[in-house]
Amino acid sequence: MEADCTLEVFAKTDRGRLRPVNEDCVYASATHGLLIVADGMGGHAGGEVASGIAVRVAARILKDGLPQAPAALPVMARQLLTEACRRADAAIREREAADPALAGMGTTIVIAACRGRQIAVAHAGDSRAYLLHGGKLRRLTEDHTLVRRLVETGAISENAARHHNLRNVITRCLGGQEYLDPDVRLVRWEPGDILLLCSDGLTGMLEDGEIESVLRERGASLAQCGQELIGLANERGGTDNISVALGRCTEEPA
């Protein structure tokens, strides 16, 4: 029989070096087993408002609705995470309709709900989730971007995608012209594994291998991992807001 798994978390968002405001929003709660990162779009006020609404609404719904039993998460996760994103999208649109100055706002979102050794991940946009297992980093999400579609069709290479001038064109988000449900997947993790959620302000500056090295070498402290990742992104230029939310599965003593 598996021992219970407890959750340790850390979250931080940074304005970066070039943006005048921070349009990202993060949330992490070990008590509720929940991590969220949202990257707002639509101008200084709009992006900040959209990401804040998305995180608040999604967190409220999931804190109230997610089951506590790990065995129930696979059964209920898809419906609950999808509903949280739909409600967040509706709240963003309602706020936009009430304030013309916020026209065109939207936000990416990535959510991880953790129960024991089960994780449910939902995302829309290019904010990502990764899992470090056995010292190896695995990406859990595929970007919803125009450039990703071009890679999938073979029109451009992975390397070309990283520097493509349309790499920031999002094909799925909350708010925006058309709402599409998030992708949802279930994964399993083990004690010692590290979960990372982040905005593209991090992944636009660092390669996956560099992120892996930081998590592997600094993994004893999630706070140190997060601070170092943000620091490295800023050293590379910090061209966007940078957000990280980290979780670690820790086996409870028998």
C-alpha atoms as a PDB file:
ATOM      1  CA  MET A   1       0.000   0.000   0.000  1.00  0.00           C
ATOM      2  CA  GLU A   2       1.314   3.435  -0.921  1.00  0.00           C
ATOM      3  CA  ALA A   3       2.152   5.912   1.817  1.00  0.00           C
ATOM      4  CA  ASP A   4       0.318   9.220   1.765  1.00  0.00           C
ATOM      5  CA  CYS A   5       1.920  12.011  -0.221  1.00  0.00           C
ATOM      6  CA  THR A   6       2.005  15.569   1.082  1.00  0.00           C
ATOM      7  CA  LEU A   7       2.466  18.679  -1.049  1.00  0.00           C
ATOM      8  CA  GLU A   8       5.040  21.450  -0.707  1.00  0.00           C
ATOM      9  CA  VAL A   9       4.570  24.576  -2.868  1.00  0.00           C
ATOM     10  CA  PHE A  10       6.231  27.843  -3.873  1.00  0.00           C
ATOM     11  CA  ALA A  11       5.022  30.547  -6.253  1.00  0.00           C
ATOM     12  CA  LYS A  12       6.439  33.856  -7.437  1.00  0.00           C
ATOM     13  CA  THR A  13       5.804  36.320 -10.240  1.00  0.00           C
ATOM     14  CA  ASP A  14       8.237  38.971 -11.481  1.00  0.00           C
ATOM     15  CA  ARG A  15       7.713  41.963 -13.779  1.00  0.00           C
ATOM     16  CA  GLY A  16      10.885  41.251 -15.741  1.00  0.00           C
ATOM     17  CA  ARG A  17      13.187  43.947 -17.051  1.00  0.00           C
ATOM     18  CA  LEU A  18      11.262  45.500 -19.936  1.00  0.00           C
ATOM     19  CA  ARG A  19       7.522  45.406 -19.251  1.00  0.00           C
ATOM     20  CA  PRO A  20       6.099  48.434 -17.389  1.00  0.00           C
ATOM     21  CA  VAL A  21       3.583  46.299 -15.444  1.00  0.00           C
ATOM     22  CA  ASN A  22       3.129  42.663 -14.486  1.00  0.00           C
ATOM     23  CA  GLU A  23       0.180  41.053 -16.290  1.00  0.00           C
ATOM     24  CA  ASP A  24       0.829  37.579 -14.830  1.00  0.00           C
ATOM     25  CA  CYS A  25      -0.939  36.140 -11.796  1.00  0.00           C
ATOM     26  CA  VAL A  26       0.004  33.066  -9.743  1.00  0.00           C
ATOM     27  CA  TYR A  27      -1.568  30.966  -7.005  1.00  0.00           C
ATOM     28  CA  ALA A  28      -0.290  28.028  -4.995  1.00  0.00           C
ATOM     29  CA  SER A  29      -1.893  26.310  -2.007  1.00  0.00           C
ATOM     30  CA  ALA A  30      -0.577  23.169  -0.352  1.00  0.00           C
ATOM     31  CA  THR A  31      -3.758  23.001   1.718  1.00  0.00           C
ATOM     32  CA  HIS A  32      -5.968  22.832  -1.360  1.00  0.00           C
ATOM     33  CA  GLY A  33      -3.485  20.973  -3.568  1.00  0.00           C
ATOM     34  CA  LEU A  34      -3.729  23.613  -6.243  1.00  0.00           C
ATOM     35  CA  LEU A  35      -1.304  25.584  -8.441  1.00  0.00           C
ATOM     36  CA  ILE A  36      -2.292  28.129 -11.123  1.00  0.00           C
ATOM     37  CA  VAL A  37      -0.387  30.425 -13.480  1.00  0.00           C
ATOM     38  CA  ALA A  38      -2.106  32.913 -15.801  1.00  0.00           C
ATOM     39  CA  ASP A  39      -0.471  35.268 -18.317  1.00  0.00           C
ATOM     40  CA  GLY A  40      -2.722  38.178 -19.241  1.00  0.00           C
ATOM     41  CA  MET A  41      -3.029  39.855 -22.631  1.00  0.00           C
ATOM     42  CA  GLY A  42      -4.668  43.004 -23.863  1.00  0.00           C
ATOM     43  CA  GLY A  43      -2.688  45.994 -22.711  1.00  0.00           C
ATOM     44  CA  HIS A  44      -1.499  47.189 -19.328  1.00  0.00           C
ATOM     45  CA  ALA A  45      -4.855  47.233 -17.546  1.00  0.00           C
ATOM     46  CA  GLY A  46      -6.596  44.507 -19.515  1.00  0.00           C
ATOM     47  CA  GLY A  47      -4.024  41.756 -19.151  1.00  0.00           C
ATOM     48  CA  GLU A  48      -3.576  42.309 -15.445  1.00  0.00           C
ATOM     49  CA  VAL A  49      -7.336  42.301 -14.888  1.00  0.00           C
ATOM     50  CA  ALA A  50      -7.926  39.199 -17.018  1.00  0.00           C
ATOM     51  CA  SER A  51      -5.248  37.066 -15.357  1.00  0.00           C
ATOM     52  CA  GLY A  52      -6.392  38.142 -11.892  1.00  0.00           C
ATOM     53  CA  ILE A  53     -10.014  37.245 -12.638  1.00  0.00           C
ATOM     54  CA  ALA A  54      -9.010  33.895 -14.109  1.00  0.00           C
ATOM     55  CA  VAL A  55      -6.954  32.868 -11.093  1.00  0.00           C
ATOM     56  CA  ARG A  56      -9.501  34.063  -8.521  1.00  0.00           C
ATOM     57  CA  VAL A  57     -12.478  32.400 -10.196  1.00  0.00           C
ATOM     58  CA  ALA A  58     -10.718  29.130 -11.011  1.00  0.00           C
ATOM     59  CA  ALA A  59      -9.199  28.854  -7.527  1.00  0.00           C
ATOM     60  CA  ARG A  60     -12.541  29.493  -5.823  1.00  0.00           C
ATOM     61  CA  ILE A  61     -14.386  26.901  -7.878  1.00  0.00           C
ATOM     62  CA  LEU A  62     -11.701  24.245  -7.535  1.00  0.00           C
ATOM     63  CA  LYS A  63     -11.162  24.769  -3.807  1.00  0.00           C
ATOM     64  CA  ASP A  64     -14.871  24.154  -3.296  1.00  0.00           C
ATOM     65  CA  GLY A  65     -15.362  21.401  -5.855  1.00  0.00           C
ATOM     66  CA  LEU A  66     -12.288  19.193  -6.051  1.00  0.00           C
ATOM     67  CA  PRO A  67     -12.575  15.908  -4.154  1.00  0.00           C
ATOM     68  CA  GLN A  68     -10.146  15.245  -1.332  1.00  0.00           C
ATOM     69  CA  ALA A  69      -9.750  11.539  -2.094  1.00  0.00           C
ATOM     70  CA  PRO A  70      -6.964  10.885  -4.643  1.00  0.00           C
ATOM     71  CA  ALA A  71      -8.967   8.045  -6.194  1.00  0.00           C
ATOM     72  CA  ALA A  72     -11.787  10.449  -7.079  1.00  0.00           C
ATOM     73  CA  LEU A  73      -9.586  12.930  -8.945  1.00  0.00           C
ATOM     74  CA  PRO A  74      -9.347  10.957 -12.225  1.00  0.00           C
ATOM     75  CA  VAL A  75     -13.135  10.589 -12.260  1.00  0.00           C
ATOM     76  CA  MET A  76     -13.996  14.232 -11.632  1.00  0.00           C
ATOM     77  CA  ALA A  77     -10.983  16.231 -12.823  1.00  0.00           C
ATOM     78  CA  ARG A  78     -11.906  16.821 -16.453  1.00  0.00           C
ATOM     79  CA  GLN A  79     -15.384  18.105 -15.682  1.00  0.00           C
ATOM     80  CA  LEU A  80     -14.270  20.291 -12.766  1.00  0.00           C
ATOM     81  CA  LEU A  81     -11.224  21.831 -14.454  1.00  0.00           C
ATOM     82  CA  THR A  82     -13.198  22.518 -17.630  1.00  0.00           C
ATOM     83  CA  GLU A  83     -15.989  24.109 -15.619  1.00  0.00           C
ATOM     84  CA  ALA A  84     -13.493  26.283 -13.730  1.00  0.00           C
ATOM     85  CA  CYS A  85     -12.066  27.572 -17.022  1.00  0.00           C
ATOM     86  CA  ARG A  86     -15.517  28.170 -18.506  1.00  0.00           C
ATOM     87  CA  ARG A  87     -16.584  30.152 -15.448  1.00  0.00           C
ATOM     88  CA  ALA A  88     -13.358  32.161 -15.503  1.00  0.00           C
ATOM     89  CA  ASP A  89     -13.832  32.891 -19.203  1.00  0.00           C
ATOM     90  CA  ALA A  90     -17.401  34.060 -18.574  1.00  0.00           C
ATOM     91  CA  ALA A  91     -16.260  36.322 -15.727  1.00  0.00           C
ATOM     92  CA  ILE A  92     -13.597  37.918 -17.944  1.00  0.00           C
ATOM     93  CA  ARG A  93     -16.147  38.570 -20.693  1.00  0.00           C
ATOM     94  CA  GLU A  94     -18.622  40.030 -18.215  1.00  0.00           C
ATOM     95  CA  ARG A  95     -16.006  42.426 -16.869  1.00  0.00           C
ATOM     96  CA  GLU A  96     -14.930  43.373 -20.390  1.00  0.00           C
ATOM     97  CA  ALA A  97     -18.517  44.143 -21.390  1.00  0.00           C
ATOM     98  CA  ALA A  98     -18.874  46.449 -18.390  1.00  0.00           C
ATOM     99  CA  ASP A  99     -15.707  48.457 -19.164  1.00  0.00           C
ATOM    100  CA  PRO A 100     -14.866  49.459 -22.760  1.00  0.00           C
ATOM    101  CA  ALA A 101     -11.300  50.269 -21.672  1.00  0.00           C
ATOM    102  CA  LEU A 102     -10.744  46.531 -21.179  1.00  0.00           C
ATOM    103  CA  ALA A 103     -11.839  45.519 -24.689  1.00  0.00           C
ATOM    104  CA  GLY A 104      -9.799  42.670 -26.140  1.00  0.00           C
ATOM    105  CA  MET A 105      -8.378  41.381 -22.865  1.00  0.00           C
ATOM    106  CA  GLY A 106      -7.695  37.704 -22.295  1.00  0.00           C
ATOM    107  CA  THR A 107      -5.321  35.344 -20.535  1.00  0.00           C
ATOM    108  CA  THR A 108      -3.571  32.017 -20.813  1.00  0.00           C
ATOM    109  CA  ILE A 109      -4.006  29.625 -17.918  1.00  0.00           C
ATOM    110  CA  VAL A 110      -2.384  26.458 -16.613  1.00  0.00           C
ATOM    111  CA  ILE A 111      -3.778  24.640 -13.574  1.00  0.00           C
ATOM    112  CA  ALA A 112      -2.520  21.646 -11.612  1.00  0.00           C
ATOM    113  CA  ALA A 113      -4.768  19.913  -9.081  1.00  0.00           C
ATOM    114  CA  CYS A 114      -2.785  17.531  -6.862  1.00  0.00           C
ATOM    115  CA  ARG A 115      -4.249  14.723  -4.787  1.00  0.00           C
ATOM    116  CA  GLY A 116      -1.840  12.179  -3.367  1.00  0.00           C
ATOM    117  CA  ARG A 117       0.101  10.754  -6.302  1.00  0.00           C
ATOM    118  CA  GLN A 118      -2.381  12.000  -8.894  1.00  0.00           C
ATOM    119  CA  ILE A 119      -2.125  15.298 -10.774  1.00  0.00           C
ATOM    120  CA  ALA A 120      -4.740  16.737 -13.119  1.00  0.00           C
ATOM    121  CA  VAL A 121      -3.400  19.432 -15.452  1.00  0.00           C
ATOM    122  CA  ALA A 122      -5.505  21.817 -17.551  1.00  0.00           C
ATOM    123  CA  HIS A 123      -4.201  24.537 -19.841  1.00  0.00           C
ATOM    124  CA  ALA A 124      -5.162  27.022 -22.507  1.00  0.00           C
ATOM    125  CA  GLY A 125      -2.457  29.043 -24.273  1.00  0.00           C
ATOM    126  CA  ASP A 126       1.316  28.866 -23.956  1.00  0.00           C
ATOM    127  CA  SER A 127       1.798  28.816 -20.198  1.00  0.00           C
ATOM    128  CA  ARG A 128       3.263  25.401 -19.469  1.00  0.00           C
ATOM    129  CA  ALA A 129       3.445  22.545 -16.981  1.00  0.00           C
ATOM    130  CA  TYR A 130       6.518  20.342 -16.516  1.00  0.00           C
ATOM    131  CA  LEU A 131       7.325  17.366 -14.294  1.00  0.00           C
ATOM    132  CA  LEU A 132      10.806  16.466 -13.075  1.00  0.00           C
ATOM    133  CA  HIS A 133      10.916  12.717 -12.427  1.00  0.00           C
ATOM    134  CA  GLY A 134      14.084  10.737 -11.860  1.00  0.00           C
ATOM    135  CA  GLY A 135      16.152  13.821 -12.705  1.00  0.00           C
ATOM    136  CA  LYS A 136      14.539  14.130 -16.158  1.00  0.00           C
ATOM    137  CA  LEU A 137      12.194  16.952 -17.168  1.00  0.00           C
ATOM    138  CA  ARG A 138       9.023  16.127 -19.097  1.00  0.00           C
ATOM    139  CA  ARG A 139       6.722  18.729 -20.614  1.00  0.00           C
ATOM    140  CA  LEU A 140       3.094  17.997 -19.740  1.00  0.00           C
ATOM    141  CA  THR A 141       1.467  20.558 -22.040  1.00  0.00           C
ATOM    142  CA  GLU A 142       1.586  21.506 -25.719  1.00  0.00           C
ATOM    143  CA  ASP A 143       1.428  25.221 -26.518  1.00  0.00           C
ATOM    144  CA  HIS A 144      -1.774  26.497 -28.093  1.00  0.00           C
ATOM    145  CA  THR A 145      -0.020  28.785 -30.574  1.00  0.00           C
ATOM    146  CA  LEU A 146       0.053  29.341 -34.313  1.00  0.00           C
ATOM    147  CA  VAL A 147       3.727  28.390 -34.398  1.00  0.00           C
ATOM    148  CA  ARG A 148       3.014  25.091 -32.631  1.00  0.00           C
ATOM    149  CA  ARG A 149       0.517  24.256 -35.352  1.00  0.00           C
ATOM    150  CA  LEU A 150       3.181  24.974 -37.966  1.00  0.00           C
ATOM    151  CA  VAL A 151       5.583  22.616 -36.196  1.00  0.00           C
ATOM    152  CA  GLU A 152       2.972  19.870 -36.006  1.00  0.00           C
ATOM    153  CA  THR A 153       2.298  20.110 -39.757  1.00  0.00           C
ATOM    154  CA  GLY A 154       6.024  20.044 -40.531  1.00  0.00           C
ATOM    155  CA  ALA A 155       6.032  23.560 -41.969  1.00  0.00           C
ATOM    156  CA  ILE A 156       8.804  24.706 -39.639  1.00  0.00           C
ATOM    157  CA  SER A 157      11.280  23.059 -37.254  1.00  0.00           C
ATOM    158  CA  GLU A 158      11.262  23.167 -33.450  1.00  0.00           C
ATOM    159  CA  ASN A 159      14.338  25.393 -33.535  1.00  0.00           C
ATOM    160  CA  ALA A 160      12.748  27.784 -36.035  1.00  0.00           C
ATOM    161  CA  ALA A 161       9.613  27.953 -33.883  1.00  0.00           C
ATOM    162  CA  ARG A 162      11.580  29.293 -30.935  1.00  0.00           C
ATOM    163  CA  HIS A 163      12.586  32.405 -32.863  1.00  0.00           C
ATOM    164  CA  HIS A 164       9.616  32.763 -35.234  1.00  0.00           C
ATOM    165  CA  ASN A 165       8.094  36.245 -35.439  1.00  0.00           C
ATOM    166  CA  LEU A 166       4.598  34.781 -34.844  1.00  0.00           C
ATOM    167  CA  ARG A 167       5.570  32.687 -31.819  1.00  0.00           C
ATOM    168  CA  ASN A 168       3.381  34.754 -29.486  1.00  0.00           C
ATOM    169  CA  VAL A 169       0.151  34.323 -31.483  1.00  0.00           C
ATOM    170  CA  ILE A 170      -2.140  32.344 -29.152  1.00  0.00           C
ATOM    171  CA  THR A 171      -4.817  30.024 -30.559  1.00  0.00           C
ATOM    172  CA  ARG A 172      -6.610  29.271 -27.285  1.00  0.00           C
ATOM    173  CA  CYS A 173      -7.133  31.367 -24.159  1.00  0.00           C
ATOM    174  CA  LEU A 174      -9.697  32.655 -21.679  1.00  0.00           C
ATOM    175  CA  GLY A 175     -11.400  35.763 -23.015  1.00  0.00           C
ATOM    176  CA  GLY A 176     -10.470  36.569 -26.588  1.00  0.00           C
ATOM    177  CA  GLN A 177     -12.599  36.088 -29.664  1.00  0.00           C
ATOM    178  CA  GLU A 178     -13.607  32.454 -29.276  1.00  0.00           C
ATOM    179  CA  TYR A 179     -13.546  30.258 -26.193  1.00  0.00           C
ATOM    180  CA  LEU A 180     -12.298  26.685 -26.518  1.00  0.00           C
ATOM    181  CA  ASP A 181     -12.190  24.248 -23.608  1.00  0.00           C
ATOM    182  CA  PRO A 182      -8.765  23.619 -22.074  1.00  0.00           C
ATOM    183  CA  ASP A 183      -6.760  20.477 -22.678  1.00  0.00           C
ATOM    184  CA  VAL A 184      -6.906  18.272 -19.576  1.00  0.00           C
ATOM    185  CA  ARG A 185      -4.639  15.343 -18.761  1.00  0.00           C
ATOM    186  CA  LEU A 186      -3.928  13.140 -15.777  1.00  0.00           C
ATOM    187  CA  VAL A 187      -0.399  12.226 -14.698  1.00  0.00           C
ATOM    188  CA  ARG A 188       1.112  10.381 -11.801  1.00  0.00           C
ATOM    189  CA  TRP A 189       4.046  11.528  -9.707  1.00  0.00           C
ATOM    190  CA  GLU A 190       6.210  10.004  -7.033  1.00  0.00           C
ATOM    191  CA  PRO A 191       7.829  11.322  -3.841  1.00  0.00           C
ATOM    192  CA  GLY A 192      10.673  13.675  -4.735  1.00  0.00           C
ATOM    193  CA  ASP A 193       9.210  14.667  -8.092  1.00  0.00           C
ATOM    194  CA  ILE A 194       8.904  18.402  -8.820  1.00  0.00           C
ATOM    195  CA  LEU A 195       6.020  19.996 -10.702  1.00  0.00           C
ATOM    196  CA  LEU A 196       6.591  23.343 -12.453  1.00  0.00           C
ATOM    197  CA  LEU A 197       3.960  25.654 -13.887  1.00  0.00           C
ATOM    198  CA  CYS A 198       5.239  28.765 -15.657  1.00  0.00           C
ATOM    199  CA  SER A 199       4.445  31.568 -18.067  1.00  0.00           C
ATOM    200  CA  ASP A 200       6.255  32.025 -21.368  1.00  0.00           C
ATOM    201  CA  GLY A 201       8.339  34.748 -19.776  1.00  0.00           C
ATOM    202  CA  LEU A 202      10.397  31.861 -18.403  1.00  0.00           C
ATOM    203  CA  THR A 203      10.340  29.448 -21.343  1.00  0.00           C
ATOM    204  CA  GLY A 204      11.020  32.220 -23.830  1.00  0.00           C
ATOM    205  CA  MET A 205      14.335  32.894 -22.095  1.00  0.00           C
ATOM    206  CA  LEU A 206      15.440  29.402 -21.007  1.00  0.00           C
ATOM    207  CA  GLU A 207      15.699  26.082 -22.826  1.00  0.00           C
ATOM    208  CA  ASP A 208      14.017  23.058 -21.269  1.00  0.00           C
ATOM    209  CA  GLY A 209      17.442  21.562 -20.504  1.00  0.00           C
ATOM    210  CA  GLU A 210      18.412  24.633 -18.507  1.00  0.00           C
ATOM    211  CA  ILE A 211      15.184  24.455 -16.515  1.00  0.00           C
ATOM    212  CA  GLU A 212      15.863  20.777 -15.854  1.00  0.00           C
ATOM    213  CA  SER A 213      19.342  21.559 -14.533  1.00  0.00           C
ATOM    214  CA  VAL A 214      18.049  24.137 -12.064  1.00  0.00           C
ATOM    215  CA  LEU A 215      15.315  21.856 -10.751  1.00  0.00           C
ATOM    216  CA  ARG A 216      17.694  18.933 -10.443  1.00  0.00           C
ATOM    217  CA  GLU A 217      20.522  20.867  -8.788  1.00  0.00           C
ATOM    218  CA  ARG A 218      18.471  23.187  -6.562  1.00  0.00           C
ATOM    219  CA  GLY A 219      15.544  20.891  -5.902  1.00  0.00           C
ATOM    220  CA  ALA A 220      16.172  20.677  -2.165  1.00  0.00           C
ATOM    221  CA  SER A 221      14.554  24.114  -1.902  1.00  0.00           C
ATOM    222  CA  LEU A 222      11.577  25.018  -4.079  1.00  0.00           C
ATOM    223  CA  ALA A 223      12.053  28.668  -3.157  1.00  0.00           C
ATOM    224  CA  GLN A 224      15.654  28.568  -4.339  1.00  0.00           C
ATOM    225  CA  CYS A 225      14.579  26.850  -7.567  1.00  0.00           C
ATOM    226  CA  GLY A 226      11.966  29.488  -8.262  1.00  0.00           C
ATOM    227  CA  GLN A 227      14.225  32.409  -7.463  1.00  0.00           C
ATOM    228  CA  GLU A 228      17.029  31.039  -9.619  1.00  0.00           C
ATOM    229  CA  LEU A 229      14.773  30.367 -12.601  1.00  0.00           C
ATOM    230  CA  ILE A 230      13.424  33.908 -12.480  1.00  0.00           C
ATOM    231  CA  GLY A 231      16.906  35.322 -11.982  1.00  0.00           C
ATOM    232  CA  LEU A 232      18.247  33.464 -15.024  1.00  0.00           C
ATOM    233  CA  ALA A 233      15.349  34.640 -17.190  1.00  0.00           C
ATOM    234  CA  ASN A 234      16.063  38.221 -16.161  1.00  0.00           C
ATOM    235  CA  GLU A 235      19.774  37.775 -16.867  1.00  0.00           C
ATOM    236  CA  ARG A 236      18.875  36.678 -20.396  1.00  0.00           C
ATOM    237  CA  GLY A 237      16.941  39.891 -20.918  1.00  0.00           C
ATOM    238  CA  GLY A 238      13.707  39.530 -18.942  1.00  0.00           C
ATOM    239  CA  THR A 239      11.690  40.626 -21.975  1.00  0.00           C
ATOM    240  CA  ASP A 240       8.379  39.489 -20.479  1.00  0.00           C
ATOM    241  CA  ASN A 241       6.765  38.971 -17.089  1.00  0.00           C
ATOM    242  CA  ILE A 242       8.086  35.781 -15.469  1.00  0.00           C
ATOM    243  CA  SER A 243       5.996  33.493 -13.283  1.00  0.00           C
ATOM    244  CA  VAL A 244       6.619  30.130 -11.651  1.00  0.00           C
ATOM    245  CA  ALA A 245       4.562  27.860  -9.405  1.00  0.00           C
ATOM    246  CA  LEU A 246       6.342  24.822  -8.016  1.00  0.00           C
ATOM    247  CA  GLY A 247       5.084  21.759  -6.181  1.00  0.00           C
ATOM    248  CA  ARG A 248       6.840  18.755  -4.696  1.00  0.00           C
ATOM    249  CA  CYS A 249       5.402  15.408  -3.687  1.00  0.00           C
ATOM    250  CA  THR A 250       6.776  14.333  -0.303  1.00  0.00           C
ATOM    251  CA  GLU A 251       6.119  10.897   1.171  1.00  0.00           C
ATOM    252  CA  GLU A 252       4.766  10.988   4.687  1.00  0.00           C
ATOM    253  CA  PRO A 253       6.595   8.775   7.189  1.00  0.00           C
ATOM    254  CA  ALA A 254       4.765   5.595   8.103  1.00  0.00           C
END
